[in-house]
Amino acid sequence: MAFFFKTSKIMVKEYDFTTDNNLLIALNIETCKPFWQKIDGDAIERCISITRSLVDEFESLKVPYGLISNAQNFLNSTLYRPGLGLNHRLKILESLGRIDYSIFCPFEDIIKTKILLKTQL
């Protein structure tokens, strides 16, 4: 919106977003249905590599990021809430490094859980 004041100059009022920008990276390591058949290790490693690149990019852009995954040994956590900083990044990178090819539940269940968590907050 533009306004004219006594000084005859245009003044512009800019409104910020009502919420901060942040994102959640969803890492699905299922390579087929049902998830225990035909595990493709190369595809999983490519997904982990892409996820690492995203983490590095969002950290450099100062965009808060989180991570959710259906990997079995994801440091006993399926969700890292969005955040920033060296400790946050290192925790996520350590979790990515510990991922094996075991899946503890279908990816759809992880997404449903995330939606339920969001509605409860």
PDB file of N, CA and C in Angstrom:
ATOM      1  N   MET A   1       0.839  -1.173   0.000  1.00  0.00           N
ATOM      2  CA  MET A   1       0.000   0.000   0.000  1.00  0.00           C
ATOM      3  C   MET A   1       0.887   1.241   0.000  1.00  0.00           C
ATOM      4  N   ALA A   2       0.487   2.205  -0.729  1.00  0.00           N
ATOM      5  CA  ALA A   2       1.243   3.453  -0.781  1.00  0.00           C
ATOM      6  C   ALA A   2       0.415   4.555  -0.128  1.00  0.00           C
ATOM      7  N   PHE A   3       1.078   5.427   0.584  1.00  0.00           N
ATOM      8  CA  PHE A   3       0.416   6.537   1.263  1.00  0.00           C
ATOM      9  C   PHE A   3       1.134   7.839   0.934  1.00  0.00           C
ATOM     10  N   PHE A   4       0.376   8.921   0.807  1.00  0.00           N
ATOM     11  CA  PHE A   4       0.964  10.253   0.648  1.00  0.00           C
ATOM     12  C   PHE A   4       0.819  10.983   1.971  1.00  0.00           C
ATOM     13  N   PHE A   5       1.866  11.603   2.401  1.00  0.00           N
ATOM     14  CA  PHE A   5       1.846  12.369   3.636  1.00  0.00           C
ATOM     15  C   PHE A   5       2.101  13.840   3.330  1.00  0.00           C
ATOM     16  N   LYS A   6       2.169  14.632   4.362  1.00  0.00           N
ATOM     17  CA  LYS A   6       2.374  16.071   4.210  1.00  0.00           C
ATOM     18  C   LYS A   6       3.645  16.399   3.442  1.00  0.00           C
ATOM     19  N   THR A   7       4.602  15.504   3.450  1.00  0.00           N
ATOM     20  CA  THR A   7       5.873  15.771   2.769  1.00  0.00           C
ATOM     21  C   THR A   7       5.786  15.523   1.274  1.00  0.00           C
ATOM     22  N   SER A   8       4.642  15.075   0.794  1.00  0.00           N
ATOM     23  CA  SER A   8       4.420  14.765  -0.621  1.00  0.00           C
ATOM     24  C   SER A   8       5.317  13.638  -1.118  1.00  0.00           C
ATOM     25  N   LYS A   9       5.743  12.800  -0.210  1.00  0.00           N
ATOM     26  CA  LYS A   9       6.546  11.641  -0.588  1.00  0.00           C
ATOM     27  C   LYS A   9       5.711  10.385  -0.394  1.00  0.00           C
ATOM     28  N   ILE A  10       5.953   9.431  -1.248  1.00  0.00           N
ATOM     29  CA  ILE A  10       5.254   8.154  -1.111  1.00  0.00           C
ATOM     30  C   ILE A  10       5.926   7.347  -0.008  1.00  0.00           C
ATOM     31  N   MET A  11       5.125   6.858   0.903  1.00  0.00           N
ATOM     32  CA  MET A  11       5.601   5.992   1.968  1.00  0.00           C
ATOM     33  C   MET A  11       4.971   4.614   1.748  1.00  0.00           C
ATOM     34  N   VAL A  12       5.763   3.578   1.843  1.00  0.00           N
ATOM     35  CA  VAL A  12       5.274   2.222   1.625  1.00  0.00           C
ATOM     36  C   VAL A  12       5.387   1.448   2.927  1.00  0.00           C
ATOM     37  N   LYS A  13       4.295   0.805   3.300  1.00  0.00           N
ATOM     38  CA  LYS A  13       4.282  -0.025   4.501  1.00  0.00           C
ATOM     39  C   LYS A  13       4.395  -1.481   4.055  1.00  0.00           C
ATOM     40  N   GLU A  14       5.451  -2.145   4.463  1.00  0.00           N
ATOM     41  CA  GLU A  14       5.642  -3.544   4.110  1.00  0.00           C
ATOM     42  C   GLU A  14       5.318  -4.404   5.320  1.00  0.00           C
ATOM     43  N   TYR A  15       4.528  -5.443   5.097  1.00  0.00           N
ATOM     44  CA  TYR A  15       4.146  -6.354   6.160  1.00  0.00           C
ATOM     45  C   TYR A  15       4.973  -7.632   6.048  1.00  0.00           C
ATOM     46  N   ASP A  16       5.471  -8.095   7.181  1.00  0.00           N
ATOM     47  CA  ASP A  16       6.225  -9.343   7.206  1.00  0.00           C
ATOM     48  C   ASP A  16       5.261 -10.519   7.170  1.00  0.00           C
ATOM     49  N   PHE A  17       5.817 -11.709   6.910  1.00  0.00           N
ATOM     50  CA  PHE A  17       5.022 -12.919   6.948  1.00  0.00           C
ATOM     51  C   PHE A  17       4.531 -13.148   8.371  1.00  0.00           C
ATOM     52  N   THR A  18       3.379 -13.791   8.497  1.00  0.00           N
ATOM     53  CA  THR A  18       2.852 -14.065   9.833  1.00  0.00           C
ATOM     54  C   THR A  18       3.562 -15.240  10.483  1.00  0.00           C
ATOM     55  N   THR A  19       4.212 -16.066   9.688  1.00  0.00           N
ATOM     56  CA  THR A  19       5.003 -17.161  10.235  1.00  0.00           C
ATOM     57  C   THR A  19       6.373 -17.143   9.582  1.00  0.00           C
ATOM     58  N   ASP A  20       7.327 -17.739  10.257  1.00  0.00           N
ATOM     59  CA  ASP A  20       8.670 -17.831   9.701  1.00  0.00           C
ATOM     60  C   ASP A  20       8.719 -18.946   8.662  1.00  0.00           C
ATOM     61  N   ASN A  21       9.574 -18.776   7.674  1.00  0.00           N
ATOM     62  CA  ASN A  21       9.789 -19.843   6.705  1.00  0.00           C
ATOM     63  C   ASN A  21      10.589 -20.955   7.367  1.00  0.00           C
ATOM     64  N   ASN A  22      10.129 -22.168   7.244  1.00  0.00           N
ATOM     65  CA  ASN A  22      10.900 -23.333   7.657  1.00  0.00           C
ATOM     66  C   ASN A  22      10.396 -24.524   6.861  1.00  0.00           C
ATOM     67  N   LEU A  23      11.159 -25.601   6.877  1.00  0.00           N
ATOM     68  CA  LEU A  23      10.757 -26.755   6.087  1.00  0.00           C
ATOM     69  C   LEU A  23      11.146 -28.038   6.780  1.00  0.00           C
ATOM     70  N   LEU A  24      10.519 -29.111   6.326  1.00  0.00           N
ATOM     71  CA  LEU A  24      10.793 -30.434   6.845  1.00  0.00           C
ATOM     72  C   LEU A  24      11.157 -31.328   5.672  1.00  0.00           C
ATOM     73  N   ILE A  25      12.361 -31.872   5.694  1.00  0.00           N
ATOM     74  CA  ILE A  25      12.804 -32.798   4.655  1.00  0.00           C
ATOM     75  C   ILE A  25      12.288 -34.182   5.035  1.00  0.00           C
ATOM     76  N   ALA A  26      11.577 -34.818   4.131  1.00  0.00           N
ATOM     77  CA  ALA A  26      11.048 -36.159   4.367  1.00  0.00           C
ATOM     78  C   ALA A  26      11.880 -37.159   3.574  1.00  0.00           C
ATOM     79  N   LEU A  27      12.650 -37.985   4.258  1.00  0.00           N
ATOM     80  CA  LEU A  27      13.522 -38.971   3.629  1.00  0.00           C
ATOM     81  C   LEU A  27      12.868 -40.343   3.683  1.00  0.00           C
ATOM     82  N   ASN A  28      12.487 -40.836   2.520  1.00  0.00           N
ATOM     83  CA  ASN A  28      11.858 -42.145   2.400  1.00  0.00           C
ATOM     84  C   ASN A  28      12.893 -43.110   1.834  1.00  0.00           C
ATOM     85  N   ILE A  29      13.230 -44.157   2.581  1.00  0.00           N
ATOM     86  CA  ILE A  29      14.207 -45.107   2.072  1.00  0.00           C
ATOM     87  C   ILE A  29      13.551 -46.380   1.546  1.00  0.00           C
ATOM     88  N   GLU A  30      12.251 -46.364   1.353  1.00  0.00           N
ATOM     89  CA  GLU A  30      11.583 -47.490   0.696  1.00  0.00           C
ATOM     90  C   GLU A  30      11.954 -47.477  -0.782  1.00  0.00           C
ATOM     91  N   THR A  31      12.306 -48.615  -1.313  1.00  0.00           N
ATOM     92  CA  THR A  31      12.615 -48.686  -2.739  1.00  0.00           C
ATOM     93  C   THR A  31      11.610 -49.547  -3.497  1.00  0.00           C
ATOM     94  N   CYS A  32      10.680 -50.183  -2.785  1.00  0.00           N
ATOM     95  CA  CYS A  32       9.617 -50.944  -3.424  1.00  0.00           C
ATOM     96  C   CYS A  32       8.528 -51.247  -2.396  1.00  0.00           C
ATOM     97  N   LYS A  33       7.409 -51.729  -2.881  1.00  0.00           N
ATOM     98  CA  LYS A  33       6.315 -52.168  -2.014  1.00  0.00           C
ATOM     99  C   LYS A  33       6.152 -53.661  -2.194  1.00  0.00           C
ATOM    100  N   PRO A  34       6.051 -54.467  -1.173  1.00  0.00           N
ATOM    101  CA  PRO A  34       6.278 -54.122   0.228  1.00  0.00           C
ATOM    102  C   PRO A  34       7.742 -53.769   0.471  1.00  0.00           C
ATOM    103  N   PHE A  35       7.974 -52.979   1.521  1.00  0.00           N
ATOM    104  CA  PHE A  35       9.290 -52.362   1.707  1.00  0.00           C
ATOM    105  C   PHE A  35      10.415 -53.337   2.018  1.00  0.00           C
ATOM    106  N   TRP A  36      10.129 -54.577   2.367  1.00  0.00           N
ATOM    107  CA  TRP A  36      11.197 -55.515   2.704  1.00  0.00           C
ATOM    108  C   TRP A  36      11.698 -56.312   1.491  1.00  0.00           C
ATOM    109  N   GLN A  37      11.119 -56.091   0.336  1.00  0.00           N
ATOM    110  CA  GLN A  37      11.556 -56.789  -0.863  1.00  0.00           C
ATOM    111  C   GLN A  37      12.413 -55.870  -1.736  1.00  0.00           C
ATOM    112  N   LYS A  38      13.378 -56.448  -2.416  1.00  0.00           N
ATOM    113  CA  LYS A  38      14.199 -55.738  -3.405  1.00  0.00           C
ATOM    114  C   LYS A  38      14.742 -54.400  -2.909  1.00  0.00           C
ATOM    115  N   ILE A  39      15.476 -54.412  -1.832  1.00  0.00           N
ATOM    116  CA  ILE A  39      16.070 -53.190  -1.306  1.00  0.00           C
ATOM    117  C   ILE A  39      17.198 -52.743  -2.235  1.00  0.00           C
ATOM    118  N   ASP A  40      17.132 -51.513  -2.701  1.00  0.00           N
ATOM    119  CA  ASP A  40      18.115 -50.952  -3.635  1.00  0.00           C
ATOM    120  C   ASP A  40      19.045 -50.012  -2.859  1.00  0.00           C
ATOM    121  N   GLY A  41      20.183 -50.546  -2.434  1.00  0.00           N
ATOM    122  CA  GLY A  41      21.132 -49.778  -1.636  1.00  0.00           C
ATOM    123  C   GLY A  41      21.666 -48.545  -2.349  1.00  0.00           C
ATOM    124  N   ASP A  42      21.889 -48.648  -3.662  1.00  0.00           N
ATOM    125  CA  ASP A  42      22.393 -47.493  -4.415  1.00  0.00           C
ATOM    126  C   ASP A  42      21.386 -46.348  -4.412  1.00  0.00           C
ATOM    127  N   ALA A  43      20.120 -46.667  -4.580  1.00  0.00           N
ATOM    128  CA  ALA A  43      19.079 -45.631  -4.570  1.00  0.00           C
ATOM    129  C   ALA A  43      18.984 -44.976  -3.194  1.00  0.00           C
ATOM    130  N   ILE A  44      19.082 -45.776  -2.146  1.00  0.00           N
ATOM    131  CA  ILE A  44      19.033 -45.236  -0.781  1.00  0.00           C
ATOM    132  C   ILE A  44      20.215 -44.306  -0.546  1.00  0.00           C
ATOM    133  N   GLU A  45      21.404 -44.708  -0.965  1.00  0.00           N
ATOM    134  CA  GLU A  45      22.591 -43.861  -0.794  1.00  0.00           C
ATOM    135  C   GLU A  45      22.460 -42.554  -1.567  1.00  0.00           C
ATOM    136  N   ARG A  46      21.875 -42.594  -2.757  1.00  0.00           N
ATOM    137  CA  ARG A  46      21.656 -41.356  -3.524  1.00  0.00           C
ATOM    138  C   ARG A  46      20.692 -40.437  -2.771  1.00  0.00           C
ATOM    139  N   CYS A  47      19.639 -41.013  -2.191  1.00  0.00           N
ATOM    140  CA  CYS A  47      18.680 -40.201  -1.421  1.00  0.00           C
ATOM    141  C   CYS A  47      19.345 -39.572  -0.196  1.00  0.00           C
ATOM    142  N   ILE A  48      20.194 -40.333   0.472  1.00  0.00           N
ATOM    143  CA  ILE A  48      20.912 -39.803   1.631  1.00  0.00           C
ATOM    144  C   ILE A  48      21.839 -38.667   1.191  1.00  0.00           C
ATOM    145  N   SER A  49      22.509 -38.846   0.070  1.00  0.00           N
ATOM    146  CA  SER A  49      23.409 -37.814  -0.449  1.00  0.00           C
ATOM    147  C   SER A  49      22.637 -36.541  -0.816  1.00  0.00           C
ATOM    148  N   ILE A  50      21.503 -36.693  -1.450  1.00  0.00           N
ATOM    149  CA  ILE A  50      20.668 -35.539  -1.800  1.00  0.00           C
ATOM    150  C   ILE A  50      20.183 -34.838  -0.541  1.00  0.00           C
ATOM    151  N   THR A  51      19.792 -35.614   0.458  1.00  0.00           N
ATOM    152  CA  THR A  51      19.333 -35.034   1.725  1.00  0.00           C
ATOM    153  C   THR A  51      20.459 -34.235   2.374  1.00  0.00           C
ATOM    154  N   ARG A  52      21.659 -34.763   2.361  1.00  0.00           N
ATOM    155  CA  ARG A  52      22.806 -34.033   2.924  1.00  0.00           C
ATOM    156  C   ARG A  52      23.010 -32.710   2.193  1.00  0.00           C
ATOM    157  N   SER A  53      22.902 -32.736   0.873  1.00  0.00           N
ATOM    158  CA  SER A  53      23.053 -31.508   0.087  1.00  0.00           C
ATOM    159  C   SER A  53      21.980 -30.487   0.457  1.00  0.00           C
ATOM    160  N   LEU A  54      20.759 -30.964   0.655  1.00  0.00           N
ATOM    161  CA  LEU A  54      19.672 -30.062   1.063  1.00  0.00           C
ATOM    162  C   LEU A  54      19.958 -29.449   2.434  1.00  0.00           C
ATOM    163  N   VAL A  55      20.413 -30.260   3.365  1.00  0.00           N
ATOM    164  CA  VAL A  55      20.750 -29.764   4.707  1.00  0.00           C
ATOM    165  C   VAL A  55      21.805 -28.664   4.607  1.00  0.00           C
ATOM    166  N   ASP A  56      22.850 -28.915   3.841  1.00  0.00           N
ATOM    167  CA  ASP A  56      23.907 -27.912   3.690  1.00  0.00           C
ATOM    168  C   ASP A  56      23.384 -26.639   3.040  1.00  0.00           C
ATOM    169  N   GLU A  57      22.551 -26.784   2.030  1.00  0.00           N
ATOM    170  CA  GLU A  57      22.011 -25.616   1.327  1.00  0.00           C
ATOM    171  C   GLU A  57      21.098 -24.786   2.235  1.00  0.00           C
ATOM    172  N   PHE A  58      20.193 -25.441   2.947  1.00  0.00           N
ATOM    173  CA  PHE A  58      19.278 -24.695   3.815  1.00  0.00           C
ATOM    174  C   PHE A  58      20.009 -24.050   4.984  1.00  0.00           C
ATOM    175  N   GLU A  59      21.044 -24.718   5.483  1.00  0.00           N
ATOM    176  CA  GLU A  59      21.855 -24.123   6.556  1.00  0.00           C
ATOM    177  C   GLU A  59      22.541 -22.863   6.040  1.00  0.00           C
ATOM    178  N   SER A  60      23.098 -22.917   4.832  1.00  0.00           N
ATOM    179  CA  SER A  60      23.788 -21.739   4.294  1.00  0.00           C
ATOM    180  C   SER A  60      22.820 -20.600   3.986  1.00  0.00           C
ATOM    181  N   LEU A  61      21.579 -20.935   3.641  1.00  0.00           N
ATOM    182  CA  LEU A  61      20.565 -19.912   3.365  1.00  0.00           C
ATOM    183  C   LEU A  61      19.878 -19.406   4.638  1.00  0.00           C
ATOM    184  N   LYS A  62      20.205 -20.021   5.770  1.00  0.00           N
ATOM    185  CA  LYS A  62      19.596 -19.659   7.071  1.00  0.00           C
ATOM    186  C   LYS A  62      18.084 -19.904   7.076  1.00  0.00           C
ATOM    187  N   VAL A  63      17.671 -20.975   6.407  1.00  0.00           N
ATOM    188  CA  VAL A  63      16.267 -21.392   6.421  1.00  0.00           C
ATOM    189  C   VAL A  63      16.159 -22.561   7.391  1.00  0.00           C
ATOM    190  N   PRO A  64      15.386 -22.425   8.481  1.00  0.00           N
ATOM    191  CA  PRO A  64      15.258 -23.531   9.433  1.00  0.00           C
ATOM    192  C   PRO A  64      14.731 -24.790   8.738  1.00  0.00           C
ATOM    193  N   TYR A  65      15.374 -25.919   9.016  1.00  0.00           N
ATOM    194  CA  TYR A  65      15.030 -27.179   8.369  1.00  0.00           C
ATOM    195  C   TYR A  65      14.969 -28.275   9.416  1.00  0.00           C
ATOM    196  N   GLY A  66      14.169 -29.267   9.127  1.00  0.00           N
ATOM    197  CA  GLY A  66      14.062 -30.441   9.971  1.00  0.00           C
ATOM    198  C   GLY A  66      14.115 -31.676   9.093  1.00  0.00           C
ATOM    199  N   LEU A  67      14.038 -32.834   9.716  1.00  0.00           N
ATOM    200  CA  LEU A  67      14.143 -34.077   8.959  1.00  0.00           C
ATOM    201  C   LEU A  67      13.250 -35.132   9.584  1.00  0.00           C
ATOM    202  N   ILE A  68      12.568 -35.863   8.729  1.00  0.00           N
ATOM    203  CA  ILE A  68      11.758 -36.996   9.153  1.00  0.00           C
ATOM    204  C   ILE A  68      12.106 -38.151   8.233  1.00  0.00           C
ATOM    205  N   SER A  69      12.136 -39.380   8.766  1.00  0.00           N
ATOM    206  CA  SER A  69      12.512 -40.533   7.957  1.00  0.00           C
ATOM    207  C   SER A  69      11.881 -41.800   8.507  1.00  0.00           C
ATOM    208  N   ASN A  70      11.827 -42.801   7.653  1.00  0.00           N
ATOM    209  CA  ASN A  70      11.338 -44.115   8.079  1.00  0.00           C
ATOM    210  C   ASN A  70      12.480 -45.119   8.225  1.00  0.00           C
ATOM    211  N   ALA A  71      13.703 -44.638   8.321  1.00  0.00           N
ATOM    212  CA  ALA A  71      14.863 -45.515   8.507  1.00  0.00           C
ATOM    213  C   ALA A  71      14.852 -46.111   9.912  1.00  0.00           C
ATOM    214  N   GLN A  72      15.199 -47.395  10.013  1.00  0.00           N
ATOM    215  CA  GLN A  72      15.136 -48.125  11.282  1.00  0.00           C
ATOM    216  C   GLN A  72      16.010 -47.505  12.369  1.00  0.00           C
ATOM    217  N   ASN A  73      17.249 -47.227  12.080  1.00  0.00           N
ATOM    218  CA  ASN A  73      18.172 -46.762  13.126  1.00  0.00           C
ATOM    219  C   ASN A  73      18.439 -45.266  13.005  1.00  0.00           C
ATOM    220  N   PHE A  74      17.405 -44.505  13.012  1.00  0.00           N
ATOM    221  CA  PHE A  74      17.518 -43.057  12.861  1.00  0.00           C
ATOM    222  C   PHE A  74      17.695 -42.417  14.231  1.00  0.00           C
ATOM    223  N   LEU A  75      18.667 -42.950  14.997  1.00  0.00           N
ATOM    224  CA  LEU A  75      18.961 -42.482  16.365  1.00  0.00           C
ATOM    225  C   LEU A  75      17.710 -42.421  17.230  1.00  0.00           C
ATOM    226  N   ASN A  76      16.862 -43.435  17.087  1.00  0.00           N
ATOM    227  CA  ASN A  76      15.635 -43.567  17.882  1.00  0.00           C
ATOM    228  C   ASN A  76      14.719 -42.360  17.768  1.00  0.00           C
ATOM    229  N   SER A  77      14.802 -41.662  16.681  1.00  0.00           N
ATOM    230  CA  SER A  77      13.947 -40.501  16.471  1.00  0.00           C
ATOM    231  C   SER A  77      13.541 -40.462  15.014  1.00  0.00           C
ATOM    232  N   THR A  78      12.264 -40.265  14.761  1.00  0.00           N
ATOM    233  CA  THR A  78      11.821 -40.164  13.381  1.00  0.00           C
ATOM    234  C   THR A  78      11.652 -38.720  12.970  1.00  0.00           C
ATOM    235  N   LEU A  79      11.882 -37.792  13.903  1.00  0.00           N
ATOM    236  CA  LEU A  79      11.627 -36.394  13.593  1.00  0.00           C
ATOM    237  C   LEU A  79      12.656 -35.484  14.254  1.00  0.00           C
ATOM    238  N   TYR A  80      13.250 -34.635  13.450  1.00  0.00           N
ATOM    239  CA  TYR A  80      14.040 -33.514  13.954  1.00  0.00           C
ATOM    240  C   TYR A  80      13.274 -32.266  13.584  1.00  0.00           C
ATOM    241  N   ARG A  81      12.813 -31.543  14.561  1.00  0.00           N
ATOM    242  CA  ARG A  81      12.047 -30.322  14.304  1.00  0.00           C
ATOM    243  C   ARG A  81      12.934 -29.287  13.607  1.00  0.00           C
ATOM    244  N   PRO A  82      12.320 -28.398  12.829  1.00  0.00           N
ATOM    245  CA  PRO A  82      13.115 -27.388  12.119  1.00  0.00           C
ATOM    246  C   PRO A  82      13.962 -26.540  13.065  1.00  0.00           C
ATOM    247  N   GLY A  83      15.182 -26.312  12.663  1.00  0.00           N
ATOM    248  CA  GLY A  83      16.112 -25.500  13.433  1.00  0.00           C
ATOM    249  C   GLY A  83      17.302 -25.120  12.561  1.00  0.00           C
ATOM    250  N   LEU A  84      18.251 -24.456  13.169  1.00  0.00           N
ATOM    251  CA  LEU A  84      19.470 -24.017  12.486  1.00  0.00           C
ATOM    252  C   LEU A  84      20.649 -24.180  13.428  1.00  0.00           C
ATOM    253  N   GLY A  85      21.828 -24.070  12.892  1.00  0.00           N
ATOM    254  CA  GLY A  85      23.026 -24.043  13.714  1.00  0.00           C
ATOM    255  C   GLY A  85      23.859 -25.301  13.582  1.00  0.00           C
ATOM    256  N   LEU A  86      25.094 -25.190  14.052  1.00  0.00           N
ATOM    257  CA  LEU A  86      26.055 -26.268  13.920  1.00  0.00           C
ATOM    258  C   LEU A  86      25.597 -27.546  14.617  1.00  0.00           C
ATOM    259  N   ASN A  87      25.107 -27.444  15.851  1.00  0.00           N
ATOM    260  CA  ASN A  87      24.672 -28.643  16.579  1.00  0.00           C
ATOM    261  C   ASN A  87      23.503 -29.327  15.886  1.00  0.00           C
ATOM    262  N   HIS A  88      22.545 -28.538  15.418  1.00  0.00           N
ATOM    263  CA  HIS A  88      21.386 -29.092  14.704  1.00  0.00           C
ATOM    264  C   HIS A  88      21.854 -29.826  13.450  1.00  0.00           C
ATOM    265  N   ARG A  89      22.717 -29.179  12.688  1.00  0.00           N
ATOM    266  CA  ARG A  89      23.239 -29.771  11.452  1.00  0.00           C
ATOM    267  C   ARG A  89      24.011 -31.053  11.740  1.00  0.00           C
ATOM    268  N   LEU A  90      24.869 -31.033  12.765  1.00  0.00           N
ATOM    269  CA  LEU A  90      25.673 -32.209  13.081  1.00  0.00           C
ATOM    270  C   LEU A  90      24.810 -33.380  13.537  1.00  0.00           C
ATOM    271  N   LYS A  91      23.756 -33.113  14.316  1.00  0.00           N
ATOM    272  CA  LYS A  91      22.864 -34.196  14.734  1.00  0.00           C
ATOM    273  C   LYS A  91      22.208 -34.860  13.531  1.00  0.00           C
ATOM    274  N   ILE A  92      21.748 -34.040  12.602  1.00  0.00           N
ATOM    275  CA  ILE A  92      21.099 -34.591  11.412  1.00  0.00           C
ATOM    276  C   ILE A  92      22.106 -35.342  10.549  1.00  0.00           C
ATOM    277  N   LEU A  93      23.297 -34.782  10.359  1.00  0.00           N
ATOM    278  CA  LEU A  93      24.306 -35.461   9.549  1.00  0.00           C
ATOM    279  C   LEU A  93      24.749 -36.772  10.186  1.00  0.00           C
ATOM    280  N   GLU A  94      24.852 -36.799  11.511  1.00  0.00           N
ATOM    281  CA  GLU A  94      25.191 -38.052  12.192  1.00  0.00           C
ATOM    282  C   GLU A  94      24.099 -39.090  11.964  1.00  0.00           C
ATOM    283  N   SER A  95      22.849 -38.668  12.052  1.00  0.00           N
ATOM    284  CA  SER A  95      21.744 -39.590  11.802  1.00  0.00           C
ATOM    285  C   SER A  95      21.768 -40.110  10.373  1.00  0.00           C
ATOM    286  N   LEU A  96      22.061 -39.236   9.431  1.00  0.00           N
ATOM    287  CA  LEU A  96      22.151 -39.669   8.036  1.00  0.00           C
ATOM    288  C   LEU A  96      23.276 -40.688   7.849  1.00  0.00           C
ATOM    289  N   GLY A  97      24.377 -40.471   8.539  1.00  0.00           N
ATOM    290  CA  GLY A  97      25.501 -41.394   8.439  1.00  0.00           C
ATOM    291  C   GLY A  97      25.224 -42.747   9.064  1.00  0.00           C
ATOM    292  N   ARG A  98      24.317 -42.811  10.011  1.00  0.00           N
ATOM    293  CA  ARG A  98      23.997 -44.067  10.696  1.00  0.00           C
ATOM    294  C   ARG A  98      22.878 -44.860  10.029  1.00  0.00           C
ATOM    295  N   ILE A  99      22.244 -44.284   9.043  1.00  0.00           N
ATOM    296  CA  ILE A  99      21.123 -44.970   8.396  1.00  0.00           C
ATOM    297  C   ILE A  99      21.598 -46.247   7.717  1.00  0.00           C
ATOM    298  N   ASP A 100      20.877 -47.345   8.007  1.00  0.00           N
ATOM    299  CA  ASP A 100      21.097 -48.542   7.207  1.00  0.00           C
ATOM    300  C   ASP A 100      19.861 -48.725   6.334  1.00  0.00           C
ATOM    301  N   TYR A 101      19.718 -49.865   5.731  1.00  0.00           N
ATOM    302  CA  TYR A 101      18.645 -50.035   4.755  1.00  0.00           C
ATOM    303  C   TYR A 101      17.389 -50.657   5.356  1.00  0.00           C
ATOM    304  N   SER A 102      17.320 -50.735   6.679  1.00  0.00           N
ATOM    305  CA  SER A 102      16.140 -51.281   7.356  1.00  0.00           C
ATOM    306  C   SER A 102      15.095 -50.191   7.534  1.00  0.00           C
ATOM    307  N   ILE A 103      13.855 -50.577   7.370  1.00  0.00           N
ATOM    308  CA  ILE A 103      12.740 -49.646   7.487  1.00  0.00           C
ATOM    309  C   ILE A 103      11.845 -50.135   8.620  1.00  0.00           C
ATOM    310  N   PHE A 104      11.441 -49.221   9.511  1.00  0.00           N
ATOM    311  CA  PHE A 104      10.613 -49.667  10.617  1.00  0.00           C
ATOM    312  C   PHE A 104       9.120 -49.533  10.350  1.00  0.00           C
ATOM    313  N   CYS A 105       8.730 -48.784   9.340  1.00  0.00           N
ATOM    314  CA  CYS A 105       7.314 -48.700   8.974  1.00  0.00           C
ATOM    315  C   CYS A 105       7.190 -48.079   7.588  1.00  0.00           C
ATOM    316  N   PRO A 106       6.040 -48.287   6.944  1.00  0.00           N
ATOM    317  CA  PRO A 106       5.848 -47.668   5.634  1.00  0.00           C
ATOM    318  C   PRO A 106       5.901 -46.140   5.734  1.00  0.00           C
ATOM    319  N   PHE A 107       6.349 -45.518   4.663  1.00  0.00           N
ATOM    320  CA  PHE A 107       6.500 -44.070   4.644  1.00  0.00           C
ATOM    321  C   PHE A 107       5.170 -43.355   4.873  1.00  0.00           C
ATOM    322  N   GLU A 108       4.090 -43.931   4.391  1.00  0.00           N
ATOM    323  CA  GLU A 108       2.771 -43.326   4.578  1.00  0.00           C
ATOM    324  C   GLU A 108       2.444 -43.159   6.060  1.00  0.00           C
ATOM    325  N   ASP A 109       2.873 -44.125   6.869  1.00  0.00           N
ATOM    326  CA  ASP A 109       2.636 -44.032   8.319  1.00  0.00           C
ATOM    327  C   ASP A 109       3.415 -42.881   8.939  1.00  0.00           C
ATOM    328  N   ILE A 110       4.630 -42.639   8.449  1.00  0.00           N
ATOM    329  CA  ILE A 110       5.433 -41.515   8.943  1.00  0.00           C
ATOM    330  C   ILE A 110       4.727 -40.196   8.633  1.00  0.00           C
ATOM    331  N   ILE A 111       4.210 -40.063   7.431  1.00  0.00           N
ATOM    332  CA  ILE A 111       3.518 -38.837   7.036  1.00  0.00           C
ATOM    333  C   ILE A 111       2.252 -38.654   7.865  1.00  0.00           C
ATOM    334  N   LYS A 112       1.506 -39.721   8.076  1.00  0.00           N
ATOM    335  CA  LYS A 112       0.297 -39.629   8.909  1.00  0.00           C
ATOM    336  C   LYS A 112       0.639 -39.205  10.328  1.00  0.00           C
ATOM    337  N   THR A 113       1.739 -39.758  10.870  1.00  0.00           N
ATOM    338  CA  THR A 113       2.184 -39.390  12.219  1.00  0.00           C
ATOM    339  C   THR A 113       2.537 -37.914  12.272  1.00  0.00           C
ATOM    340  N   LYS A 114       3.223 -37.420  11.246  1.00  0.00           N
ATOM    341  CA  LYS A 114       3.602 -36.000  11.198  1.00  0.00           C
ATOM    342  C   LYS A 114       2.364 -35.116  11.156  1.00  0.00           C
ATOM    343  N   ILE A 115       1.379 -35.511  10.373  1.00  0.00           N
ATOM    344  CA  ILE A 115       0.143 -34.720  10.296  1.00  0.00           C
ATOM    345  C   ILE A 115      -0.564 -34.712  11.655  1.00  0.00           C
ATOM    346  N   LEU A 116      -0.585 -35.866  12.344  1.00  0.00           N
ATOM    347  CA  LEU A 116      -1.200 -35.913  13.675  1.00  0.00           C
ATOM    348  C   LEU A 116      -0.447 -35.054  14.661  1.00  0.00           C
ATOM    349  N   LEU A 117       0.901 -35.090  14.624  1.00  0.00           N
ATOM    350  CA  LEU A 117       1.698 -34.244  15.517  1.00  0.00           C
ATOM    351  C   LEU A 117       1.410 -32.767  15.272  1.00  0.00           C
ATOM    352  N   LYS A 118       1.286 -32.383  14.029  1.00  0.00           N
ATOM    353  CA  LYS A 118       1.044 -30.982  13.682  1.00  0.00           C
ATOM    354  C   LYS A 118      -0.324 -30.527  14.206  1.00  0.00           C
ATOM    355  N   THR A 119      -1.320 -31.392  14.105  1.00  0.00           N
ATOM    356  CA  THR A 119      -2.646 -31.001  14.564  1.00  0.00           C
ATOM    357  C   THR A 119      -2.721 -30.949  16.087  1.00  0.00           C
ATOM    358  N   GLN A 120      -1.827 -31.662  16.775  1.00  0.00           N
ATOM    359  CA  GLN A 120      -1.846 -31.659  18.231  1.00  0.00           C
ATOM    360  C   GLN A 120      -1.073 -30.486  18.811  1.00  0.00           C
ATOM    361  N   LEU A 121      -0.226 -29.840  18.032  1.00  0.00           N
ATOM    362  CA  LEU A 121       0.585 -28.721  18.546  1.00  0.00           C
ATOM    363  C   LEU A 121      -0.160 -27.436  18.576  1.00  0.00           C
TER     364      LEU A 121
END
